Amino acid sequence: MVEAAAFYILATLILGFGVLVITAKSTVHSVLFLVGNFLCVAVVYVVLAAEFLAIIQVLVYAGGIVVLYLFVVMLVNLRRR
């Protein structure tokens, strides 16, 4: 029962972060919401007793790909007019 409640709460957080990634005005905020989304997915893996997948999720996605996204966002010169 506790696992089901944790799963539904985390699923709601994941959907919320997904909506925030799409609707954020700032690209940096969008990437930070994406990090939150990846971390919530890692916690879902822990709840499902898949610790190895949770570690890989944090290392590969939250660690590597998000850093790449941030470098691209910082290097691309987007001036608002």
PDB file of N, CA and C in Angstrom:
ATOM      1  N   MET A   1       0.818  -1.193   0.000  1.00  0.00           N
ATOM      2  CA  MET A   1       0.000   0.000   0.000  1.00  0.00           C
ATOM      3  C   MET A   1       0.864   1.260   0.000  1.00  0.00           C
ATOM      4  N   VAL A   2       1.956   1.241   0.771  1.00  0.00           N
ATOM      5  CA  VAL A   2       2.845   2.391   0.827  1.00  0.00           C
ATOM      6  C   VAL A   2       3.559   2.570  -0.516  1.00  0.00           C
ATOM      7  N   GLU A   3       3.938   1.453  -1.145  1.00  0.00           N
ATOM      8  CA  GLU A   3       4.606   1.544  -2.442  1.00  0.00           C
ATOM      9  C   GLU A   3       3.687   2.135  -3.496  1.00  0.00           C
ATOM     10  N   ALA A   4       2.414   1.764  -3.463  1.00  0.00           N
ATOM     11  CA  ALA A   4       1.463   2.302  -4.438  1.00  0.00           C
ATOM     12  C   ALA A   4       1.267   3.802  -4.234  1.00  0.00           C
ATOM     13  N   ALA A   5       1.171   4.229  -2.981  1.00  0.00           N
ATOM     14  CA  ALA A   5       1.014   5.659  -2.699  1.00  0.00           C
ATOM     15  C   ALA A   5       2.254   6.433  -3.148  1.00  0.00           C
ATOM     16  N   ALA A   6       3.446   5.893  -2.869  1.00  0.00           N
ATOM     17  CA  ALA A   6       4.684   6.546  -3.296  1.00  0.00           C
ATOM     18  C   ALA A   6       4.756   6.608  -4.817  1.00  0.00           C
ATOM     19  N   PHE A   7       4.335   5.534  -5.482  1.00  0.00           N
ATOM     20  CA  PHE A   7       4.351   5.517  -6.946  1.00  0.00           C
ATOM     21  C   PHE A   7       3.434   6.583  -7.521  1.00  0.00           C
ATOM     22  N   TYR A   8       2.223   6.713  -6.992  1.00  0.00           N
ATOM     23  CA  TYR A   8       1.282   7.706  -7.519  1.00  0.00           C
ATOM     24  C   TYR A   8       1.739   9.131  -7.231  1.00  0.00           C
ATOM     25  N   ILE A   9       2.329   9.358  -6.086  1.00  0.00           N
ATOM     26  CA  ILE A   9       2.856  10.698  -5.774  1.00  0.00           C
ATOM     27  C   ILE A   9       4.012  11.035  -6.714  1.00  0.00           C
ATOM     28  N   LEU A  10       4.908  10.076  -6.921  1.00  0.00           N
ATOM     29  CA  LEU A  10       6.039  10.309  -7.826  1.00  0.00           C
ATOM     30  C   LEU A  10       5.576  10.462  -9.276  1.00  0.00           C
ATOM     31  N   ALA A  11       4.562   9.713  -9.672  1.00  0.00           N
ATOM     32  CA  ALA A  11       4.036   9.856 -11.031  1.00  0.00           C
ATOM     33  C   ALA A  11       3.445  11.238 -11.232  1.00  0.00           C
ATOM     34  N   THR A  12       2.771  11.769 -10.213  1.00  0.00           N
ATOM     35  CA  THR A  12       2.236  13.127 -10.304  1.00  0.00           C
ATOM     36  C   THR A  12       3.364  14.151 -10.393  1.00  0.00           C
ATOM     37  N   LEU A  13       4.412  13.964  -9.609  1.00  0.00           N
ATOM     38  CA  LEU A  13       5.566  14.867  -9.685  1.00  0.00           C
ATOM     39  C   LEU A  13       6.240  14.806 -11.053  1.00  0.00           C
ATOM     40  N   ILE A  14       6.376  13.619 -11.602  1.00  0.00           N
ATOM     41  CA  ILE A  14       7.002  13.466 -12.916  1.00  0.00           C
ATOM     42  C   ILE A  14       6.177  14.173 -13.986  1.00  0.00           C
ATOM     43  N   LEU A  15       4.862  14.005 -13.938  1.00  0.00           N
ATOM     44  CA  LEU A  15       4.012  14.706 -14.904  1.00  0.00           C
ATOM     45  C   LEU A  15       4.085  16.218 -14.722  1.00  0.00           C
ATOM     46  N   GLY A  16       4.116  16.671 -13.467  1.00  0.00           N
ATOM     47  CA  GLY A  16       4.230  18.103 -13.201  1.00  0.00           C
ATOM     48  C   GLY A  16       5.530  18.682 -13.716  1.00  0.00           C
ATOM     49  N   PHE A  17       6.637  17.979 -13.456  1.00  0.00           N
ATOM     50  CA  PHE A  17       7.930  18.449 -13.967  1.00  0.00           C
ATOM     51  C   PHE A  17       7.957  18.435 -15.495  1.00  0.00           C
ATOM     52  N   GLY A  18       7.307  17.442 -16.097  1.00  0.00           N
ATOM     53  CA  GLY A  18       7.245  17.393 -17.562  1.00  0.00           C
ATOM     54  C   GLY A  18       6.510  18.588 -18.144  1.00  0.00           C
ATOM     55  N   VAL A  19       5.416  18.956 -17.521  1.00  0.00           N
ATOM     56  CA  VAL A  19       4.675  20.136 -17.972  1.00  0.00           C
ATOM     57  C   VAL A  19       5.508  21.396 -17.765  1.00  0.00           C
ATOM     58  N   LEU A  20       6.205  21.482 -16.634  1.00  0.00           N
ATOM     59  CA  LEU A  20       7.047  22.649 -16.370  1.00  0.00           C
ATOM     60  C   LEU A  20       8.214  22.748 -17.348  1.00  0.00           C
ATOM     61  N   VAL A  21       8.756  21.609 -17.782  1.00  0.00           N
ATOM     62  CA  VAL A  21       9.837  21.628 -18.774  1.00  0.00           C
ATOM     63  C   VAL A  21       9.342  22.253 -20.070  1.00  0.00           C
ATOM     64  N   ILE A  22       8.130  21.917 -20.458  1.00  0.00           N
ATOM     65  CA  ILE A  22       7.596  22.416 -21.720  1.00  0.00           C
ATOM     66  C   ILE A  22       7.183  23.876 -21.621  1.00  0.00           C
ATOM     67  N   THR A  23       6.616  24.281 -20.490  1.00  0.00           N
ATOM     68  CA  THR A  23       6.038  25.613 -20.382  1.00  0.00           C
ATOM     69  C   THR A  23       6.956  26.658 -19.762  1.00  0.00           C
ATOM     70  N   ALA A  24       8.155  26.299 -19.372  1.00  0.00           N
ATOM     71  CA  ALA A  24       9.059  27.267 -18.738  1.00  0.00           C
ATOM     72  C   ALA A  24       9.507  28.316 -19.749  1.00  0.00           C
ATOM     73  N   LYS A  25       9.550  29.560 -19.297  1.00  0.00           N
ATOM     74  CA  LYS A  25       9.983  30.657 -20.179  1.00  0.00           C
ATOM     75  C   LYS A  25      11.499  30.633 -20.390  1.00  0.00           C
ATOM     76  N   SER A  26      12.245  30.365 -19.351  1.00  0.00           N
ATOM     77  CA  SER A  26      13.699  30.352 -19.426  1.00  0.00           C
ATOM     78  C   SER A  26      14.181  28.941 -19.757  1.00  0.00           C
ATOM     79  N   THR A  27      15.172  28.856 -20.647  1.00  0.00           N
ATOM     80  CA  THR A  27      15.710  27.539 -20.999  1.00  0.00           C
ATOM     81  C   THR A  27      16.492  26.924 -19.844  1.00  0.00           C
ATOM     82  N   VAL A  28      17.112  27.761 -19.026  1.00  0.00           N
ATOM     83  CA  VAL A  28      17.843  27.238 -17.871  1.00  0.00           C
ATOM     84  C   VAL A  28      16.868  26.621 -16.873  1.00  0.00           C
ATOM     85  N   HIS A  29      15.742  27.285 -16.648  1.00  0.00           N
ATOM     86  CA  HIS A  29      14.735  26.718 -15.760  1.00  0.00           C
ATOM     87  C   HIS A  29      14.180  25.416 -16.331  1.00  0.00           C
ATOM     88  N   SER A  30      14.022  25.363 -17.628  1.00  0.00           N
ATOM     89  CA  SER A  30      13.541  24.144 -18.270  1.00  0.00           C
ATOM     90  C   SER A  30      14.502  22.983 -18.033  1.00  0.00           C
ATOM     91  N   VAL A  31      15.794  23.240 -18.138  1.00  0.00           N
ATOM     92  CA  VAL A  31      16.785  22.185 -17.896  1.00  0.00           C
ATOM     93  C   VAL A  31      16.779  21.773 -16.426  1.00  0.00           C
ATOM     94  N   LEU A  32      16.602  22.714 -15.519  1.00  0.00           N
ATOM     95  CA  LEU A  32      16.545  22.370 -14.092  1.00  0.00           C
ATOM     96  C   LEU A  32      15.302  21.544 -13.767  1.00  0.00           C
ATOM     97  N   PHE A  33      14.184  21.857 -14.405  1.00  0.00           N
ATOM     98  CA  PHE A  33      12.987  21.028 -14.227  1.00  0.00           C
ATOM     99  C   PHE A  33      13.207  19.628 -14.805  1.00  0.00           C
ATOM    100  N   LEU A  34      13.986  19.546 -15.879  1.00  0.00           N
ATOM    101  CA  LEU A  34      14.319  18.242 -16.453  1.00  0.00           C
ATOM    102  C   LEU A  34      15.160  17.419 -15.484  1.00  0.00           C
ATOM    103  N   VAL A  35      16.073  18.071 -14.764  1.00  0.00           N
ATOM    104  CA  VAL A  35      16.855  17.379 -13.732  1.00  0.00           C
ATOM    105  C   VAL A  35      15.923  16.842 -12.653  1.00  0.00           C
ATOM    106  N   GLY A  36      14.977  17.646 -12.212  1.00  0.00           N
ATOM    107  CA  GLY A  36      13.997  17.177 -11.224  1.00  0.00           C
ATOM    108  C   GLY A  36      13.208  15.994 -11.728  1.00  0.00           C
ATOM    109  N   ASN A  37      12.853  16.035 -13.013  1.00  0.00           N
ATOM    110  CA  ASN A  37      12.128  14.923 -13.605  1.00  0.00           C
ATOM    111  C   ASN A  37      12.973  13.654 -13.598  1.00  0.00           C
ATOM    112  N   PHE A  38      14.232  13.753 -13.987  1.00  0.00           N
ATOM    113  CA  PHE A  38      15.117  12.589 -14.001  1.00  0.00           C
ATOM    114  C   PHE A  38      15.326  12.033 -12.592  1.00  0.00           C
ATOM    115  N   LEU A  39      15.444  12.906 -11.613  1.00  0.00           N
ATOM    116  CA  LEU A  39      15.628  12.431 -10.241  1.00  0.00           C
ATOM    117  C   LEU A  39      14.374  11.735  -9.711  1.00  0.00           C
ATOM    118  N   CYS A  40      13.207  12.236 -10.077  1.00  0.00           N
ATOM    119  CA  CYS A  40      11.969  11.562  -9.666  1.00  0.00           C
ATOM    120  C   CYS A  40      11.842  10.184 -10.314  1.00  0.00           C
ATOM    121  N   VAL A  41      12.273  10.083 -11.569  1.00  0.00           N
ATOM    122  CA  VAL A  41      12.266   8.771 -12.231  1.00  0.00           C
ATOM    123  C   VAL A  41      13.229   7.819 -11.522  1.00  0.00           C
ATOM    124  N   ALA A  42      14.369   8.330 -11.075  1.00  0.00           N
ATOM    125  CA  ALA A  42      15.309   7.492 -10.331  1.00  0.00           C
ATOM    126  C   ALA A  42      14.691   7.016  -9.014  1.00  0.00           C
ATOM    127  N   VAL A  43      13.934   7.874  -8.353  1.00  0.00           N
ATOM    128  CA  VAL A  43      13.275   7.462  -7.106  1.00  0.00           C
ATOM    129  C   VAL A  43      12.203   6.405  -7.390  1.00  0.00           C
ATOM    130  N   VAL A  44      11.531   6.506  -8.526  1.00  0.00           N
ATOM    131  CA  VAL A  44      10.567   5.461  -8.914  1.00  0.00           C
ATOM    132  C   VAL A  44      11.279   4.131  -9.080  1.00  0.00           C
ATOM    133  N   TYR A  45      12.457   4.152  -9.673  1.00  0.00           N
ATOM    134  CA  TYR A  45      13.230   2.922  -9.812  1.00  0.00           C
ATOM    135  C   TYR A  45      13.605   2.342  -8.447  1.00  0.00           C
ATOM    136  N   VAL A  46      13.928   3.199  -7.498  1.00  0.00           N
ATOM    137  CA  VAL A  46      14.249   2.713  -6.150  1.00  0.00           C
ATOM    138  C   VAL A  46      13.013   2.092  -5.505  1.00  0.00           C
ATOM    139  N   VAL A  47      11.858   2.720  -5.675  1.00  0.00           N
ATOM    140  CA  VAL A  47      10.615   2.166  -5.119  1.00  0.00           C
ATOM    141  C   VAL A  47      10.313   0.809  -5.738  1.00  0.00           C
ATOM    142  N   LEU A  48      10.639   0.642  -7.008  1.00  0.00           N
ATOM    143  CA  LEU A  48      10.394  -0.631  -7.690  1.00  0.00           C
ATOM    144  C   LEU A  48      11.514  -1.645  -7.470  1.00  0.00           C
ATOM    145  N   ALA A  49      12.468  -1.337  -6.578  1.00  0.00           N
ATOM    146  CA  ALA A  49      13.572  -2.219  -6.211  1.00  0.00           C
ATOM    147  C   ALA A  49      14.522  -2.478  -7.374  1.00  0.00           C
ATOM    148  N   ALA A  50      14.747  -1.452  -8.181  1.00  0.00           N
ATOM    149  CA  ALA A  50      15.705  -1.534  -9.278  1.00  0.00           C
ATOM    150  C   ALA A  50      16.780  -0.478  -9.036  1.00  0.00           C
ATOM    151  N   GLU A  51      17.614  -0.740  -8.027  1.00  0.00           N
ATOM    152  CA  GLU A  51      18.600   0.253  -7.608  1.00  0.00           C
ATOM    153  C   GLU A  51      19.651   0.525  -8.674  1.00  0.00           C
ATOM    154  N   PHE A  52      20.036  -0.517  -9.420  1.00  0.00           N
ATOM    155  CA  PHE A  52      21.036  -0.323 -10.466  1.00  0.00           C
ATOM    156  C   PHE A  52      20.531   0.649 -11.525  1.00  0.00           C
ATOM    157  N   LEU A  53      19.273   0.496 -11.930  1.00  0.00           N
ATOM    158  CA  LEU A  53      18.703   1.424 -12.906  1.00  0.00           C
ATOM    159  C   LEU A  53      18.627   2.843 -12.352  1.00  0.00           C
ATOM    160  N   ALA A  54      18.365   2.971 -11.062  1.00  0.00           N
ATOM    161  CA  ALA A  54      18.320   4.301 -10.441  1.00  0.00           C
ATOM    162  C   ALA A  54      19.692   4.960 -10.486  1.00  0.00           C
ATOM    163  N   ILE A  55      20.731   4.197 -10.196  1.00  0.00           N
ATOM    164  CA  ILE A  55      22.087   4.750 -10.237  1.00  0.00           C
ATOM    165  C   ILE A  55      22.466   5.145 -11.661  1.00  0.00           C
ATOM    166  N   ILE A  56      22.132   4.304 -12.626  1.00  0.00           N
ATOM    167  CA  ILE A  56      22.418   4.618 -14.025  1.00  0.00           C
ATOM    168  C   ILE A  56      21.623   5.840 -14.464  1.00  0.00           C
ATOM    169  N   GLN A  57      20.381   5.957 -14.021  1.00  0.00           N
ATOM    170  CA  GLN A  57      19.550   7.123 -14.348  1.00  0.00           C
ATOM    171  C   GLN A  57      20.206   8.411 -13.850  1.00  0.00           C
ATOM    172  N   VAL A  58      20.699   8.388 -12.631  1.00  0.00           N
ATOM    173  CA  VAL A  58      21.311   9.592 -12.065  1.00  0.00           C
ATOM    174  C   VAL A  58      22.645   9.886 -12.737  1.00  0.00           C
ATOM    175  N   LEU A  59      23.469   8.871 -12.936  1.00  0.00           N
ATOM    176  CA  LEU A  59      24.794   9.103 -13.518  1.00  0.00           C
ATOM    177  C   LEU A  59      24.737   9.516 -14.981  1.00  0.00           C
ATOM    178  N   VAL A  60      23.982   8.772 -15.770  1.00  0.00           N
ATOM    179  CA  VAL A  60      23.982   9.013 -17.210  1.00  0.00           C
ATOM    180  C   VAL A  60      23.093  10.202 -17.571  1.00  0.00           C
ATOM    181  N   TYR A  61      21.858  10.185 -17.126  1.00  0.00           N
ATOM    182  CA  TYR A  61      20.931  11.219 -17.568  1.00  0.00           C
ATOM    183  C   TYR A  61      21.073  12.504 -16.755  1.00  0.00           C
ATOM    184  N   ALA A  62      20.893  12.424 -15.456  1.00  0.00           N
ATOM    185  CA  ALA A  62      20.954  13.636 -14.639  1.00  0.00           C
ATOM    186  C   ALA A  62      22.369  14.192 -14.587  1.00  0.00           C
ATOM    187  N   GLY A  63      23.368  13.357 -14.720  1.00  0.00           N
ATOM    188  CA  GLY A  63      24.740  13.829 -14.664  1.00  0.00           C
ATOM    189  C   GLY A  63      25.302  14.236 -16.004  1.00  0.00           C
ATOM    190  N   GLY A  64      25.142  13.411 -17.001  1.00  0.00           N
ATOM    191  CA  GLY A  64      25.808  13.651 -18.270  1.00  0.00           C
ATOM    192  C   GLY A  64      25.001  14.435 -19.273  1.00  0.00           C
ATOM    193  N   ILE A  65      23.813  13.989 -19.570  1.00  0.00           N
ATOM    194  CA  ILE A  65      23.030  14.613 -20.625  1.00  0.00           C
ATOM    195  C   ILE A  65      22.567  16.002 -20.221  1.00  0.00           C
ATOM    196  N   VAL A  66      22.213  16.200 -18.964  1.00  0.00           N
ATOM    197  CA  VAL A  66      21.778  17.523 -18.524  1.00  0.00           C
ATOM    198  C   VAL A  66      22.943  18.511 -18.541  1.00  0.00           C
ATOM    199  N   VAL A  67      24.142  18.061 -18.217  1.00  0.00           N
ATOM    200  CA  VAL A  67      25.313  18.933 -18.322  1.00  0.00           C
ATOM    201  C   VAL A  67      25.524  19.326 -19.782  1.00  0.00           C
ATOM    202  N   LEU A  68      25.351  18.398 -20.691  1.00  0.00           N
ATOM    203  CA  LEU A  68      25.449  18.708 -22.110  1.00  0.00           C
ATOM    204  C   LEU A  68      24.398  19.724 -22.519  1.00  0.00           C
ATOM    205  N   TYR A  69      23.157  19.556 -22.063  1.00  0.00           N
ATOM    206  CA  TYR A  69      22.096  20.526 -22.352  1.00  0.00           C
ATOM    207  C   TYR A  69      22.464  21.906 -21.815  1.00  0.00           C
ATOM    208  N   LEU A  70      22.994  21.956 -20.603  1.00  0.00           N
ATOM    209  CA  LEU A  70      23.354  23.253 -20.029  1.00  0.00           C
ATOM    210  C   LEU A  70      24.482  23.920 -20.809  1.00  0.00           C
ATOM    211  N   PHE A  71      25.454  23.150 -21.265  1.00  0.00           N
ATOM    212  CA  PHE A  71      26.515  23.730 -22.081  1.00  0.00           C
ATOM    213  C   PHE A  71      25.948  24.304 -23.373  1.00  0.00           C
ATOM    214  N   VAL A  72      25.044  23.588 -24.005  1.00  0.00           N
ATOM    215  CA  VAL A  72      24.444  24.081 -25.248  1.00  0.00           C
ATOM    216  C   VAL A  72      23.635  25.341 -24.980  1.00  0.00           C
ATOM    217  N   VAL A  73      22.877  25.352 -23.896  1.00  0.00           N
ATOM    218  CA  VAL A  73      22.069  26.530 -23.565  1.00  0.00           C
ATOM    219  C   VAL A  73      22.966  27.719 -23.277  1.00  0.00           C
ATOM    220  N   MET A  74      24.055  27.509 -22.575  1.00  0.00           N
ATOM    221  CA  MET A  74      24.938  28.622 -22.241  1.00  0.00           C
ATOM    222  C   MET A  74      25.745  29.104 -23.443  1.00  0.00           C
ATOM    223  N   LEU A  75      26.066  28.211 -24.391  1.00  0.00           N
ATOM    224  CA  LEU A  75      26.864  28.609 -25.538  1.00  0.00           C
ATOM    225  C   LEU A  75      26.039  29.266 -26.647  1.00  0.00           C
ATOM    226  N   VAL A  76      24.789  28.882 -26.761  1.00  0.00           N
ATOM    227  CA  VAL A  76      23.935  29.473 -27.792  1.00  0.00           C
ATOM    228  C   VAL A  76      23.526  30.858 -27.308  1.00  0.00           C
ATOM    229  N   ASN A  77      23.743  31.836 -28.150  1.00  0.00           N
ATOM    230  CA  ASN A  77      23.452  33.211 -27.765  1.00  0.00           C
ATOM    231  C   ASN A  77      22.010  33.534 -28.156  1.00  0.00           C
ATOM    232  N   LEU A  78      21.096  33.469 -27.199  1.00  0.00           N
ATOM    233  CA  LEU A  78      19.695  33.782 -27.448  1.00  0.00           C
ATOM    234  C   LEU A  78      19.393  35.143 -26.849  1.00  0.00           C
ATOM    235  N   ARG A  79      19.235  36.108 -27.723  1.00  0.00           N
ATOM    236  CA  ARG A  79      18.899  37.458 -27.244  1.00  0.00           C
ATOM    237  C   ARG A  79      17.420  37.699 -27.486  1.00  0.00           C
ATOM    238  N   ARG A  80      16.775  38.155 -26.458  1.00  0.00           N
ATOM    239  CA  ARG A  80      15.346  38.456 -26.578  1.00  0.00           C
ATOM    240  C   ARG A  80      15.177  39.877 -27.091  1.00  0.00           C
ATOM    241  N   ARG A  81      14.275  40.024 -28.019  1.00  0.00           N
ATOM    242  CA  ARG A  81      14.042  41.354 -28.605  1.00  0.00           C
ATOM    243  C   ARG A  81      12.671  41.843 -28.293  1.00  0.00           C
TER     244      ARG A  81
END
